[in-house]
Amino acid sequence: MARSLAAAPLPAASTPRPRAIAAWLYAVALLIVLMVAVGGITRLTESGLSITEWKPVSGAIPPLDAADWQAEFAKYQETPEYQQINAGMSLSDFKFIYFWEWAHRLLGRLIGLAFALPLLWFAVRRQIPSGYGPRLVALLALGAAQGAVGWWMVASGLVDRTDVSHYRLAAHLCLALFILGGLVWTARDLSALARDPGAKASTLRLLPLVALGILAVQIMFGAFTAGLDAGHVTTEWPLMNGRVVPQAAWSDALDDPFAIHFIHRWWAFAAFAAMMLLARAAKRAGDRRASIAIHVAVGIQVLLGIVTVMSGVRFEPALTHQIVGALLVAAAAAGAHAAGRRA
């Protein structure tokens, strides 16, 4: 009898583990910040069009011998970017840009696994708190969509143009940061649930919604600025080539580098004001840490933007500007969550 009981399989655990799930979501959020950093390197080194095919599974393996490298290089040599900008590039230089695009895609695959496998584990063990399963599945679906959007972006630069569409680049970045915000928000809901089993999910109130919307516009114009290389149109601040308002094709503002740069430059102060109001709301709600995080991130971000312009878009400040932008989104999500908490 004792032997048969010892051999019987243990029942699956069914106790919700909100604290463990929150820690896992924060870890995935950090991976997304890293992904944004690698994406920034890929953009700044002009590496994004070096891989001309989308192979979600087999593409994880890089070229392994000289013949494979020559085959990949030959595909890149057929692109407008190579023919019009990089003609004569050496194989060594191609390997450099290939590495960054491959690393960017590989990290995306790893993030997918880092989300999907623990989600499956928590689901099988019945440890996901009631009501959170659909939200976690939605985040997984958004992550899968992000891979498709990334290829949709790259494909825009492989035919008839030497770079990717700045609209598609903006969609790719904004979706990544939306997922980041969703992860932080959900993790904070679960952390509150771990502290108090009766805690309700936070709601998005009007002031935080408006503040996040203003920040989203700034992020979108930041992506437009990167996609059109609009940061290079001037190295002056606060003037632009000696003018407050630059000469630009204002009737086609969303495609004109001067107009895009001008809007991104000055909308930053609307975003700054919105973040100050959000930080104040978070502090009133009792979350001083979120308030401090917003203040620090948005202050550094504005200064980095100015330094990036005046340095002629040097690699270091430009990359840091993108990373701090992601951290600001995480802080803003935390502040909006705090402002929407219910007793």
C-alpha atoms as a PDB file:
ATOM      1  CA  MET A   1       0.000   0.000   0.000  1.00  0.00           C
ATOM      2  CA  ALA A   2       2.782   2.419   0.965  1.00  0.00           C
ATOM      3  CA  ARG A   3       4.657   1.467  -2.206  1.00  0.00           C
ATOM      4  CA  SER A   4       1.645   2.264  -4.423  1.00  0.00           C
ATOM      5  CA  LEU A   5       1.156   5.671  -2.758  1.00  0.00           C
ATOM      6  CA  ALA A   6       4.831   6.530  -3.264  1.00  0.00           C
ATOM      7  CA  ALA A   7       4.595   5.661  -6.950  1.00  0.00           C
ATOM      8  CA  ALA A   8       1.447   7.739  -7.521  1.00  0.00           C
ATOM      9  CA  PRO A   9       2.098  11.023  -9.410  1.00  0.00           C
ATOM     10  CA  LEU A  10       1.833  14.207  -7.386  1.00  0.00           C
ATOM     11  CA  PRO A  11      -1.138  16.435  -8.248  1.00  0.00           C
ATOM     12  CA  ALA A  12      -0.368  19.612 -10.171  1.00  0.00           C
ATOM     13  CA  ALA A  13       0.001  22.682  -8.009  1.00  0.00           C
ATOM     14  CA  SER A  14      -3.006  24.989  -8.144  1.00  0.00           C
ATOM     15  CA  THR A  15      -2.036  27.826  -5.786  1.00  0.00           C
ATOM     16  CA  PRO A  16      -1.712  31.135  -7.687  1.00  0.00           C
ATOM     17  CA  ARG A  17       1.787  32.601  -7.626  1.00  0.00           C
ATOM     18  CA  PRO A  18       1.366  36.297  -8.471  1.00  0.00           C
ATOM     19  CA  ARG A  19       4.727  37.279  -6.975  1.00  0.00           C
ATOM     20  CA  ALA A  20       6.669  34.757  -9.075  1.00  0.00           C
ATOM     21  CA  ILE A  21       4.785  35.712 -12.233  1.00  0.00           C
ATOM     22  CA  ALA A  22       5.445  39.413 -11.562  1.00  0.00           C
ATOM     23  CA  ALA A  23       9.184  38.731 -11.195  1.00  0.00           C
ATOM     24  CA  TRP A  24       9.159  36.814 -14.475  1.00  0.00           C
ATOM     25  CA  LEU A  25       7.372  39.684 -16.262  1.00  0.00           C
ATOM     26  CA  TYR A  26       9.887  42.207 -14.937  1.00  0.00           C
ATOM     27  CA  ALA A  27      12.698  39.991 -16.275  1.00  0.00           C
ATOM     28  CA  VAL A  28      11.063  39.908 -19.716  1.00  0.00           C
ATOM     29  CA  ALA A  29      10.641  43.699 -19.549  1.00  0.00           C
ATOM     30  CA  LEU A  30      14.394  44.040 -18.975  1.00  0.00           C
ATOM     31  CA  LEU A  31      15.005  41.856 -22.020  1.00  0.00           C
ATOM     32  CA  ILE A  32      12.841  44.191 -24.080  1.00  0.00           C
ATOM     33  CA  VAL A  33      14.903  47.174 -22.906  1.00  0.00           C
ATOM     34  CA  LEU A  34      17.977  45.228 -24.055  1.00  0.00           C
ATOM     35  CA  MET A  35      16.192  44.541 -27.345  1.00  0.00           C
ATOM     36  CA  VAL A  36      15.581  48.270 -27.804  1.00  0.00           C
ATOM     37  CA  ALA A  37      19.296  48.874 -27.174  1.00  0.00           C
ATOM     38  CA  VAL A  38      20.366  46.285 -29.749  1.00  0.00           C
ATOM     39  CA  GLY A  39      17.792  47.687 -32.157  1.00  0.00           C
ATOM     40  CA  GLY A  40      19.354  51.113 -31.669  1.00  0.00           C
ATOM     41  CA  ILE A  41      22.802  49.732 -32.454  1.00  0.00           C
ATOM     42  CA  THR A  42      21.384  48.021 -35.528  1.00  0.00           C
ATOM     43  CA  ARG A  43      19.900  51.295 -36.702  1.00  0.00           C
ATOM     44  CA  LEU A  44      22.940  53.456 -35.950  1.00  0.00           C
ATOM     45  CA  THR A  45      25.314  51.051 -37.697  1.00  0.00           C
ATOM     46  CA  GLU A  46      22.976  50.807 -40.724  1.00  0.00           C
ATOM     47  CA  SER A  47      22.806  47.029 -40.245  1.00  0.00           C
ATOM     48  CA  GLY A  48      19.070  46.457 -40.568  1.00  0.00           C
ATOM     49  CA  LEU A  49      18.992  45.449 -44.244  1.00  0.00           C
ATOM     50  CA  SER A  50      21.929  43.039 -44.134  1.00  0.00           C
ATOM     51  CA  ILE A  51      19.688  39.948 -43.819  1.00  0.00           C
ATOM     52  CA  THR A  52      17.333  39.864 -46.771  1.00  0.00           C
ATOM     53  CA  GLU A  53      15.116  36.929 -45.776  1.00  0.00           C
ATOM     54  CA  TRP A  54      12.829  36.129 -42.876  1.00  0.00           C
ATOM     55  CA  LYS A  55      13.339  32.608 -41.571  1.00  0.00           C
ATOM     56  CA  PRO A  56      11.816  32.484 -38.070  1.00  0.00           C
ATOM     57  CA  VAL A  57      13.368  29.099 -37.194  1.00  0.00           C
ATOM     58  CA  SER A  58      16.353  28.315 -39.434  1.00  0.00           C
ATOM     59  CA  GLY A  59      17.407  31.970 -39.424  1.00  0.00           C
ATOM     60  CA  ALA A  60      18.625  31.537 -35.851  1.00  0.00           C
ATOM     61  CA  ILE A  61      21.708  29.789 -37.249  1.00  0.00           C
ATOM     62  CA  PRO A  62      24.232  32.216 -38.793  1.00  0.00           C
ATOM     63  CA  PRO A  63      26.425  31.349 -41.795  1.00  0.00           C
ATOM     64  CA  LEU A  64      28.867  28.638 -40.725  1.00  0.00           C
ATOM     65  CA  ASP A  65      31.433  28.539 -43.526  1.00  0.00           C
ATOM     66  CA  ALA A  66      32.874  30.645 -46.332  1.00  0.00           C
ATOM     67  CA  ALA A  67      30.346  29.423 -48.880  1.00  0.00           C
ATOM     68  CA  ASP A  68      27.430  30.374 -46.627  1.00  0.00           C
ATOM     69  CA  TRP A  69      28.881  33.835 -46.062  1.00  0.00           C
ATOM     70  CA  GLN A  70      29.368  34.405 -49.783  1.00  0.00           C
ATOM     71  CA  ALA A  71      25.771  33.340 -50.440  1.00  0.00           C
ATOM     72  CA  GLU A  72      24.429  35.802 -47.849  1.00  0.00           C
ATOM     73  CA  PHE A  73      26.685  38.557 -49.166  1.00  0.00           C
ATOM     74  CA  ALA A  74      25.477  37.928 -52.719  1.00  0.00           C
ATOM     75  CA  LYS A  75      21.862  38.392 -51.582  1.00  0.00           C
ATOM     76  CA  TYR A  76      22.747  41.673 -49.894  1.00  0.00           C
ATOM     77  CA  GLN A  77      24.579  42.866 -53.033  1.00  0.00           C
ATOM     78  CA  GLU A  78      21.260  42.715 -54.893  1.00  0.00           C
ATOM     79  CA  THR A  79      19.654  45.302 -52.595  1.00  0.00           C
ATOM     80  CA  PRO A  80      19.408  49.021 -53.450  1.00  0.00           C
ATOM     81  CA  GLU A  81      21.282  49.870 -50.243  1.00  0.00           C
ATOM     82  CA  TYR A  82      24.364  47.996 -51.381  1.00  0.00           C
ATOM     83  CA  GLN A  83      24.184  49.139 -54.997  1.00  0.00           C
ATOM     84  CA  GLN A  84      23.628  52.829 -54.226  1.00  0.00           C
ATOM     85  CA  ILE A  85      25.430  53.311 -50.902  1.00  0.00           C
ATOM     86  CA  ASN A  86      27.703  50.400 -49.989  1.00  0.00           C
ATOM     87  CA  ALA A  87      29.013  49.286 -53.378  1.00  0.00           C
ATOM     88  CA  GLY A  88      32.467  47.810 -52.936  1.00  0.00           C
ATOM     89  CA  MET A  89      31.883  46.837 -49.295  1.00  0.00           C
ATOM     90  CA  SER A  90      34.239  44.108 -48.149  1.00  0.00           C
ATOM     91  CA  LEU A  91      33.038  40.769 -46.842  1.00  0.00           C
ATOM     92  CA  SER A  92      34.517  41.690 -43.444  1.00  0.00           C
ATOM     93  CA  ASP A  93      32.425  44.854 -43.285  1.00  0.00           C
ATOM     94  CA  PHE A  94      29.356  42.877 -44.315  1.00  0.00           C
ATOM     95  CA  LYS A  95      29.947  40.391 -41.492  1.00  0.00           C
ATOM     96  CA  PHE A  96      29.919  43.305 -39.022  1.00  0.00           C
ATOM     97  CA  ILE A  97      26.503  44.633 -40.068  1.00  0.00           C
ATOM     98  CA  TYR A  98      25.160  41.103 -40.486  1.00  0.00           C
ATOM     99  CA  PHE A  99      26.113  40.312 -36.872  1.00  0.00           C
ATOM    100  CA  TRP A 100      24.034  43.151 -35.429  1.00  0.00           C
ATOM    101  CA  GLU A 101      20.914  42.339 -37.430  1.00  0.00           C
ATOM    102  CA  TRP A 102      21.319  38.634 -36.607  1.00  0.00           C
ATOM    103  CA  ALA A 103      21.794  39.461 -32.904  1.00  0.00           C
ATOM    104  CA  HIS A 104      18.686  41.650 -32.976  1.00  0.00           C
ATOM    105  CA  ARG A 105      16.591  38.868 -34.481  1.00  0.00           C
ATOM    106  CA  LEU A 106      18.100  36.206 -32.218  1.00  0.00           C
ATOM    107  CA  LEU A 107      17.286  38.267 -29.132  1.00  0.00           C
ATOM    108  CA  GLY A 108      13.715  38.569 -30.382  1.00  0.00           C
ATOM    109  CA  ARG A 109      13.496  34.779 -30.600  1.00  0.00           C
ATOM    110  CA  LEU A 110      14.954  34.413 -27.106  1.00  0.00           C
ATOM    111  CA  ILE A 111      12.430  36.881 -25.703  1.00  0.00           C
ATOM    112  CA  GLY A 112       9.660  34.858 -27.326  1.00  0.00           C
ATOM    113  CA  LEU A 113      10.892  31.701 -25.617  1.00  0.00           C
ATOM    114  CA  ALA A 114      11.465  33.537 -22.335  1.00  0.00           C
ATOM    115  CA  PHE A 115       7.800  34.522 -22.389  1.00  0.00           C
ATOM    116  CA  ALA A 116       6.103  31.484 -23.940  1.00  0.00           C
ATOM    117  CA  LEU A 117       7.786  28.691 -21.969  1.00  0.00           C
ATOM    118  CA  PRO A 118       7.236  30.112 -18.443  1.00  0.00           C
ATOM    119  CA  LEU A 119       3.685  31.060 -19.446  1.00  0.00           C
ATOM    120  CA  LEU A 120       3.052  27.451 -20.436  1.00  0.00           C
ATOM    121  CA  TRP A 121       4.603  26.238 -17.170  1.00  0.00           C
ATOM    122  CA  PHE A 122       2.484  28.529 -14.993  1.00  0.00           C
ATOM    123  CA  ALA A 123      -0.627  27.589 -16.973  1.00  0.00           C
ATOM    124  CA  VAL A 124      -0.020  23.836 -16.707  1.00  0.00           C
ATOM    125  CA  ARG A 125       0.632  24.199 -12.981  1.00  0.00           C
ATOM    126  CA  ARG A 126      -2.543  26.301 -12.653  1.00  0.00           C
ATOM    127  CA  GLN A 127      -0.613  29.067 -10.928  1.00  0.00           C
ATOM    128  CA  ILE A 128      -1.925  32.032 -12.941  1.00  0.00           C
ATOM    129  CA  PRO A 129      -4.335  34.109 -10.835  1.00  0.00           C
ATOM    130  CA  SER A 130      -7.916  34.303 -12.029  1.00  0.00           C
ATOM    131  CA  GLY A 131      -8.461  36.866 -14.767  1.00  0.00           C
ATOM    132  CA  TYR A 132      -4.810  37.206 -15.780  1.00  0.00           C
ATOM    133  CA  GLY A 133      -4.588  34.351 -18.282  1.00  0.00           C
ATOM    134  CA  PRO A 134      -6.180  36.265 -21.187  1.00  0.00           C
ATOM    135  CA  ARG A 135      -3.969  39.284 -20.520  1.00  0.00           C
ATOM    136  CA  LEU A 136      -0.807  37.190 -20.581  1.00  0.00           C
ATOM    137  CA  VAL A 137      -1.895  35.434 -23.766  1.00  0.00           C
ATOM    138  CA  ALA A 138      -2.584  38.840 -25.342  1.00  0.00           C
ATOM    139  CA  LEU A 139       0.953  39.964 -24.484  1.00  0.00           C
ATOM    140  CA  LEU A 140       2.295  36.771 -26.064  1.00  0.00           C
ATOM    141  CA  ALA A 141       0.273  37.468 -29.219  1.00  0.00           C
ATOM    142  CA  LEU A 142       1.609  41.032 -29.365  1.00  0.00           C
ATOM    143  CA  GLY A 143       5.136  39.653 -29.098  1.00  0.00           C
ATOM    144  CA  ALA A 144       4.509  37.319 -32.026  1.00  0.00           C
ATOM    145  CA  ALA A 145       3.058  40.233 -34.001  1.00  0.00           C
ATOM    146  CA  GLN A 146       6.191  42.236 -33.249  1.00  0.00           C
ATOM    147  CA  GLY A 147       8.292  39.735 -35.171  1.00  0.00           C
ATOM    148  CA  ALA A 148       5.995  40.046 -38.191  1.00  0.00           C
ATOM    149  CA  VAL A 149       6.049  43.856 -37.961  1.00  0.00           C
ATOM    150  CA  GLY A 150       9.845  43.749 -37.813  1.00  0.00           C
ATOM    151  CA  TRP A 151      10.032  41.818 -41.078  1.00  0.00           C
ATOM    152  CA  TRP A 152       7.356  44.086 -42.630  1.00  0.00           C
ATOM    153  CA  MET A 153       9.641  46.991 -41.739  1.00  0.00           C
ATOM    154  CA  VAL A 154      12.785  45.385 -43.186  1.00  0.00           C
ATOM    155  CA  ALA A 155      10.980  44.363 -46.384  1.00  0.00           C
ATOM    156  CA  SER A 156      10.196  48.021 -47.102  1.00  0.00           C
ATOM    157  CA  GLY A 157      13.909  48.703 -47.574  1.00  0.00           C
ATOM    158  CA  LEU A 158      14.784  45.805 -49.864  1.00  0.00           C
ATOM    159  CA  VAL A 159      13.107  47.072 -53.040  1.00  0.00           C
ATOM    160  CA  ASP A 160      13.178  50.523 -54.649  1.00  0.00           C
ATOM    161  CA  ARG A 161      14.704  52.317 -51.641  1.00  0.00           C
ATOM    162  CA  THR A 162      17.898  52.308 -49.593  1.00  0.00           C
ATOM    163  CA  ASP A 163      16.343  52.392 -46.142  1.00  0.00           C
ATOM    164  CA  VAL A 164      13.237  51.197 -44.345  1.00  0.00           C
ATOM    165  CA  SER A 165       9.980  53.119 -44.233  1.00  0.00           C
ATOM    166  CA  HIS A 166      10.024  55.500 -41.283  1.00  0.00           C
ATOM    167  CA  TYR A 167       6.320  54.761 -40.777  1.00  0.00           C
ATOM    168  CA  ARG A 168       7.036  51.051 -40.402  1.00  0.00           C
ATOM    169  CA  LEU A 169      10.026  51.781 -38.173  1.00  0.00           C
ATOM    170  CA  ALA A 170       7.723  53.822 -35.922  1.00  0.00           C
ATOM    171  CA  ALA A 171       5.192  50.985 -35.821  1.00  0.00           C
ATOM    172  CA  HIS A 172       7.949  48.530 -34.856  1.00  0.00           C
ATOM    173  CA  LEU A 173       9.326  50.706 -32.054  1.00  0.00           C
ATOM    174  CA  CYS A 174       5.953  51.807 -30.706  1.00  0.00           C
ATOM    175  CA  LEU A 175       4.685  48.225 -30.532  1.00  0.00           C
ATOM    176  CA  ALA A 176       7.819  47.144 -28.642  1.00  0.00           C
ATOM    177  CA  LEU A 177       7.351  49.930 -26.103  1.00  0.00           C
ATOM    178  CA  PHE A 178       3.619  49.222 -25.814  1.00  0.00           C
ATOM    179  CA  ILE A 179       4.481  45.625 -24.906  1.00  0.00           C
ATOM    180  CA  LEU A 180       7.046  46.912 -22.410  1.00  0.00           C
ATOM    181  CA  GLY A 181       4.428  49.108 -20.765  1.00  0.00           C
ATOM    182  CA  GLY A 182       1.946  46.226 -20.698  1.00  0.00           C
ATOM    183  CA  LEU A 183       4.471  43.985 -18.985  1.00  0.00           C
ATOM    184  CA  VAL A 184       5.246  46.578 -16.309  1.00  0.00           C
ATOM    185  CA  TRP A 185       1.555  47.323 -15.735  1.00  0.00           C
ATOM    186  CA  THR A 186       0.643  43.635 -15.408  1.00  0.00           C
ATOM    187  CA  ALA A 187       3.620  42.925 -13.143  1.00  0.00           C
ATOM    188  CA  ARG A 188       2.552  45.743 -10.825  1.00  0.00           C
ATOM    189  CA  ASP A 189      -1.015  44.435 -10.724  1.00  0.00           C
ATOM    190  CA  LEU A 190       0.316  41.018  -9.762  1.00  0.00           C
ATOM    191  CA  SER A 191       2.695  42.476  -7.161  1.00  0.00           C
ATOM    192  CA  ALA A 192      -0.265  44.252  -5.549  1.00  0.00           C
ATOM    193  CA  LEU A 193      -2.203  40.984  -5.623  1.00  0.00           C
ATOM    194  CA  ALA A 194       0.690  39.199  -3.897  1.00  0.00           C
ATOM    195  CA  ARG A 195       0.619  41.762  -1.083  1.00  0.00           C
ATOM    196  CA  ASP A 196      -3.175  41.745  -0.782  1.00  0.00           C
ATOM    197  CA  PRO A 197      -5.280  38.873  -2.203  1.00  0.00           C
ATOM    198  CA  GLY A 198      -8.212  41.261  -2.404  1.00  0.00           C
ATOM    199  CA  ALA A 199      -6.395  43.898  -4.479  1.00  0.00           C
ATOM    200  CA  LYS A 200      -8.132  45.041  -7.646  1.00  0.00           C
ATOM    201  CA  ALA A 201      -6.414  45.644 -10.972  1.00  0.00           C
ATOM    202  CA  SER A 202      -5.448  49.268 -11.563  1.00  0.00           C
ATOM    203  CA  THR A 203      -7.413  51.351 -14.053  1.00  0.00           C
ATOM    204  CA  LEU A 204      -6.110  53.851 -16.592  1.00  0.00           C
ATOM    205  CA  ARG A 205      -7.492  57.232 -15.567  1.00  0.00           C
ATOM    206  CA  LEU A 206      -7.878  60.330 -17.729  1.00  0.00           C
ATOM    207  CA  LEU A 207      -4.776  62.297 -16.741  1.00  0.00           C
ATOM    208  CA  PRO A 208      -2.393  59.320 -17.111  1.00  0.00           C
ATOM    209  CA  LEU A 209      -4.074  58.408 -20.407  1.00  0.00           C
ATOM    210  CA  VAL A 210      -3.480  61.889 -21.809  1.00  0.00           C
ATOM    211  CA  ALA A 211       0.099  61.946 -20.488  1.00  0.00           C
ATOM    212  CA  LEU A 212       0.876  58.569 -22.048  1.00  0.00           C
ATOM    213  CA  GLY A 213      -0.700  59.712 -25.318  1.00  0.00           C
ATOM    214  CA  ILE A 214       1.545  62.781 -25.421  1.00  0.00           C
ATOM    215  CA  LEU A 215       4.574  60.585 -24.718  1.00  0.00           C
ATOM    216  CA  ALA A 216       3.494  58.175 -27.475  1.00  0.00           C
ATOM    217  CA  VAL A 217       3.419  61.032 -30.002  1.00  0.00           C
ATOM    218  CA  GLN A 218       6.953  62.008 -28.983  1.00  0.00           C
ATOM    219  CA  ILE A 219       8.153  58.420 -29.380  1.00  0.00           C
ATOM    220  CA  MET A 220       6.539  58.195 -32.798  1.00  0.00           C
ATOM    221  CA  PHE A 221       8.283  61.369 -33.974  1.00  0.00           C
ATOM    222  CA  GLY A 222      11.519  60.058 -32.493  1.00  0.00           C
ATOM    223  CA  ALA A 223      11.171  56.997 -34.710  1.00  0.00           C
ATOM    224  CA  PHE A 224      10.399  59.242 -37.691  1.00  0.00           C
ATOM    225  CA  THR A 225      13.541  61.239 -36.868  1.00  0.00           C
ATOM    226  CA  ALA A 226      15.644  58.069 -36.836  1.00  0.00           C
ATOM    227  CA  GLY A 227      14.054  56.674 -39.992  1.00  0.00           C
ATOM    228  CA  LEU A 228      14.609  59.855 -42.019  1.00  0.00           C
ATOM    229  CA  ASP A 229      18.026  60.621 -40.462  1.00  0.00           C
ATOM    230  CA  ALA A 230      16.437  63.904 -39.456  1.00  0.00           C
ATOM    231  CA  GLY A 231      18.816  64.277 -36.527  1.00  0.00           C
ATOM    232  CA  HIS A 232      21.525  65.191 -39.020  1.00  0.00           C
ATOM    233  CA  VAL A 233      19.811  68.260 -40.491  1.00  0.00           C
ATOM    234  CA  THR A 234      21.405  70.544 -37.902  1.00  0.00           C
ATOM    235  CA  THR A 235      23.860  70.522 -35.016  1.00  0.00           C
ATOM    236  CA  GLU A 236      22.423  73.682 -33.452  1.00  0.00           C
ATOM    237  CA  TRP A 237      20.170  74.059 -30.445  1.00  0.00           C
ATOM    238  CA  PRO A 238      17.800  75.803 -29.786  1.00  0.00           C
ATOM    239  CA  LEU A 239      18.024  77.247 -33.306  1.00  0.00           C
ATOM    240  CA  MET A 240      18.014  75.112 -36.446  1.00  0.00           C
ATOM    241  CA  ASN A 241      20.630  76.404 -38.878  1.00  0.00           C
ATOM    242  CA  GLY A 242      20.204  79.918 -37.529  1.00  0.00           C
ATOM    243  CA  ARG A 243      16.397  79.871 -37.566  1.00  0.00           C
ATOM    244  CA  VAL A 244      13.766  79.235 -34.906  1.00  0.00           C
ATOM    245  CA  VAL A 245      11.444  77.670 -37.471  1.00  0.00           C
ATOM    246  CA  PRO A 246      13.362  75.932 -40.264  1.00  0.00           C
ATOM    247  CA  GLN A 247      12.554  76.057 -43.928  1.00  0.00           C
ATOM    248  CA  ALA A 248      10.624  72.842 -44.491  1.00  0.00           C
ATOM    249  CA  ALA A 249       7.953  71.285 -46.686  1.00  0.00           C
ATOM    250  CA  TRP A 250       5.239  71.858 -44.095  1.00  0.00           C
ATOM    251  CA  SER A 251       2.518  70.651 -46.447  1.00  0.00           C
ATOM    252  CA  ASP A 252       4.264  67.265 -46.353  1.00  0.00           C
ATOM    253  CA  ALA A 253       5.516  67.511 -42.778  1.00  0.00           C
ATOM    254  CA  LEU A 254       5.467  63.785 -41.993  1.00  0.00           C
ATOM    255  CA  ASP A 255       7.967  63.088 -44.780  1.00  0.00           C
ATOM    256  CA  ASP A 256      10.216  66.138 -44.446  1.00  0.00           C
ATOM    257  CA  PRO A 257      13.326  65.703 -42.235  1.00  0.00           C
ATOM    258  CA  PHE A 258      13.413  69.384 -41.196  1.00  0.00           C
ATOM    259  CA  ALA A 259       9.754  69.387 -40.170  1.00  0.00           C
ATOM    260  CA  ILE A 260      10.080  66.064 -38.362  1.00  0.00           C
ATOM    261  CA  HIS A 261      13.152  67.270 -36.456  1.00  0.00           C
ATOM    262  CA  PHE A 262      11.426  70.528 -35.484  1.00  0.00           C
ATOM    263  CA  ILE A 263       8.309  68.748 -34.198  1.00  0.00           C
ATOM    264  CA  HIS A 264      10.292  66.136 -32.281  1.00  0.00           C
ATOM    265  CA  ARG A 265      12.507  68.832 -30.765  1.00  0.00           C
ATOM    266  CA  TRP A 266       9.708  71.003 -29.402  1.00  0.00           C
ATOM    267  CA  TRP A 267       7.061  68.368 -28.667  1.00  0.00           C
ATOM    268  CA  ALA A 268       9.633  67.031 -26.200  1.00  0.00           C
ATOM    269  CA  PHE A 269       8.682  69.850 -23.848  1.00  0.00           C
ATOM    270  CA  ALA A 270       5.007  68.950 -24.061  1.00  0.00           C
ATOM    271  CA  ALA A 271       6.028  65.404 -23.167  1.00  0.00           C
ATOM    272  CA  PHE A 272       8.189  66.763 -20.336  1.00  0.00           C
ATOM    273  CA  ALA A 273       5.256  68.704 -18.874  1.00  0.00           C
ATOM    274  CA  ALA A 274       2.961  65.695 -19.230  1.00  0.00           C
ATOM    275  CA  MET A 275       5.450  63.491 -17.402  1.00  0.00           C
ATOM    276  CA  MET A 276       5.723  66.044 -14.588  1.00  0.00           C
ATOM    277  CA  LEU A 277       1.954  65.914 -14.122  1.00  0.00           C
ATOM    278  CA  LEU A 278       2.016  62.113 -14.225  1.00  0.00           C
ATOM    279  CA  ALA A 279       4.817  61.994 -11.649  1.00  0.00           C
ATOM    280  CA  ARG A 280       2.809  64.299  -9.400  1.00  0.00           C
ATOM    281  CA  ALA A 281      -0.247  62.053  -9.739  1.00  0.00           C
ATOM    282  CA  ALA A 282       1.844  58.990  -8.854  1.00  0.00           C
ATOM    283  CA  LYS A 283       3.241  60.742  -5.781  1.00  0.00           C
ATOM    284  CA  ARG A 284      -0.253  61.748  -4.646  1.00  0.00           C
ATOM    285  CA  ALA A 285      -1.242  58.098  -4.994  1.00  0.00           C
ATOM    286  CA  GLY A 286       1.566  57.167  -2.603  1.00  0.00           C
ATOM    287  CA  ASP A 287       4.144  55.835  -5.083  1.00  0.00           C
ATOM    288  CA  ARG A 288       7.142  58.093  -4.548  1.00  0.00           C
ATOM    289  CA  ARG A 289       9.533  55.705  -6.309  1.00  0.00           C
ATOM    290  CA  ALA A 290       7.550  55.837  -9.555  1.00  0.00           C
ATOM    291  CA  SER A 291       7.440  59.624  -9.291  1.00  0.00           C
ATOM    292  CA  ILE A 292      11.216  59.847  -8.846  1.00  0.00           C
ATOM    293  CA  ALA A 293      11.805  57.404 -11.725  1.00  0.00           C
ATOM    294  CA  ILE A 294       9.709  59.540 -14.073  1.00  0.00           C
ATOM    295  CA  HIS A 295      11.476  62.751 -13.019  1.00  0.00           C
ATOM    296  CA  VAL A 296      14.940  61.267 -13.486  1.00  0.00           C
ATOM    297  CA  ALA A 297      14.187  59.512 -16.789  1.00  0.00           C
ATOM    298  CA  VAL A 298      12.465  62.440 -18.500  1.00  0.00           C
ATOM    299  CA  GLY A 299      15.096  64.946 -17.331  1.00  0.00           C
ATOM    300  CA  ILE A 300      17.958  62.810 -18.613  1.00  0.00           C
ATOM    301  CA  GLN A 301      16.064  62.113 -21.831  1.00  0.00           C
ATOM    302  CA  VAL A 302      15.630  65.790 -22.692  1.00  0.00           C
ATOM    303  CA  LEU A 303      19.305  66.499 -22.027  1.00  0.00           C
ATOM    304  CA  LEU A 304      20.356  63.488 -24.097  1.00  0.00           C
ATOM    305  CA  GLY A 305      18.215  64.706 -26.976  1.00  0.00           C
ATOM    306  CA  ILE A 306      20.005  68.054 -26.976  1.00  0.00           C
ATOM    307  CA  VAL A 307      23.440  66.416 -26.688  1.00  0.00           C
ATOM    308  CA  THR A 308      22.607  64.014 -29.522  1.00  0.00           C
ATOM    309  CA  VAL A 309      21.733  66.885 -31.855  1.00  0.00           C
ATOM    310  CA  MET A 310      24.706  69.073 -30.933  1.00  0.00           C
ATOM    311  CA  SER A 311      27.125  66.145 -31.275  1.00  0.00           C
ATOM    312  CA  GLY A 312      25.984  65.458 -34.834  1.00  0.00           C
ATOM    313  CA  VAL A 313      24.209  62.269 -33.724  1.00  0.00           C
ATOM    314  CA  ARG A 314      27.245  60.607 -32.221  1.00  0.00           C
ATOM    315  CA  PHE A 315      26.796  56.926 -31.511  1.00  0.00           C
ATOM    316  CA  GLU A 316      27.035  57.021 -27.702  1.00  0.00           C
ATOM    317  CA  PRO A 317      24.485  59.747 -26.894  1.00  0.00           C
ATOM    318  CA  ALA A 318      22.130  58.607 -29.652  1.00  0.00           C
ATOM    319  CA  LEU A 319      22.090  55.029 -28.357  1.00  0.00           C
ATOM    320  CA  THR A 320      21.713  56.154 -24.734  1.00  0.00           C
ATOM    321  CA  HIS A 321      18.851  58.412 -25.818  1.00  0.00           C
ATOM    322  CA  GLN A 322      16.983  55.391 -27.183  1.00  0.00           C
ATOM    323  CA  ILE A 323      17.650  53.261 -24.094  1.00  0.00           C
ATOM    324  CA  VAL A 324      16.522  55.974 -21.676  1.00  0.00           C
ATOM    325  CA  GLY A 325      13.414  56.427 -23.827  1.00  0.00           C
ATOM    326  CA  ALA A 326      12.498  52.799 -23.125  1.00  0.00           C
ATOM    327  CA  LEU A 327      13.178  53.261 -19.414  1.00  0.00           C
ATOM    328  CA  LEU A 328      10.978  56.354 -19.434  1.00  0.00           C
ATOM    329  CA  VAL A 329       8.132  54.313 -20.901  1.00  0.00           C
ATOM    330  CA  ALA A 330       8.534  51.750 -18.107  1.00  0.00           C
ATOM    331  CA  ALA A 331       8.561  54.501 -15.474  1.00  0.00           C
ATOM    332  CA  ALA A 332       5.530  56.190 -17.038  1.00  0.00           C
ATOM    333  CA  ALA A 333       3.632  52.891 -17.053  1.00  0.00           C
ATOM    334  CA  ALA A 334       4.451  52.466 -13.361  1.00  0.00           C
ATOM    335  CA  GLY A 335       3.306  56.004 -12.608  1.00  0.00           C
ATOM    336  CA  ALA A 336       0.066  55.613 -14.549  1.00  0.00           C
ATOM    337  CA  HIS A 337      -0.573  52.344 -12.737  1.00  0.00           C
ATOM    338  CA  ALA A 338      -0.026  54.001  -9.364  1.00  0.00           C
ATOM    339  CA  ALA A 339      -2.401  56.845 -10.235  1.00  0.00           C
ATOM    340  CA  GLY A 340      -5.109  54.343 -11.161  1.00  0.00           C
ATOM    341  CA  ARG A 341      -4.882  52.078  -8.137  1.00  0.00           C
ATOM    342  CA  ARG A 342      -8.050  51.465  -6.156  1.00  0.00           C
ATOM    343  CA  ALA A 343      -8.304  50.749  -2.468  1.00  0.00           C
END
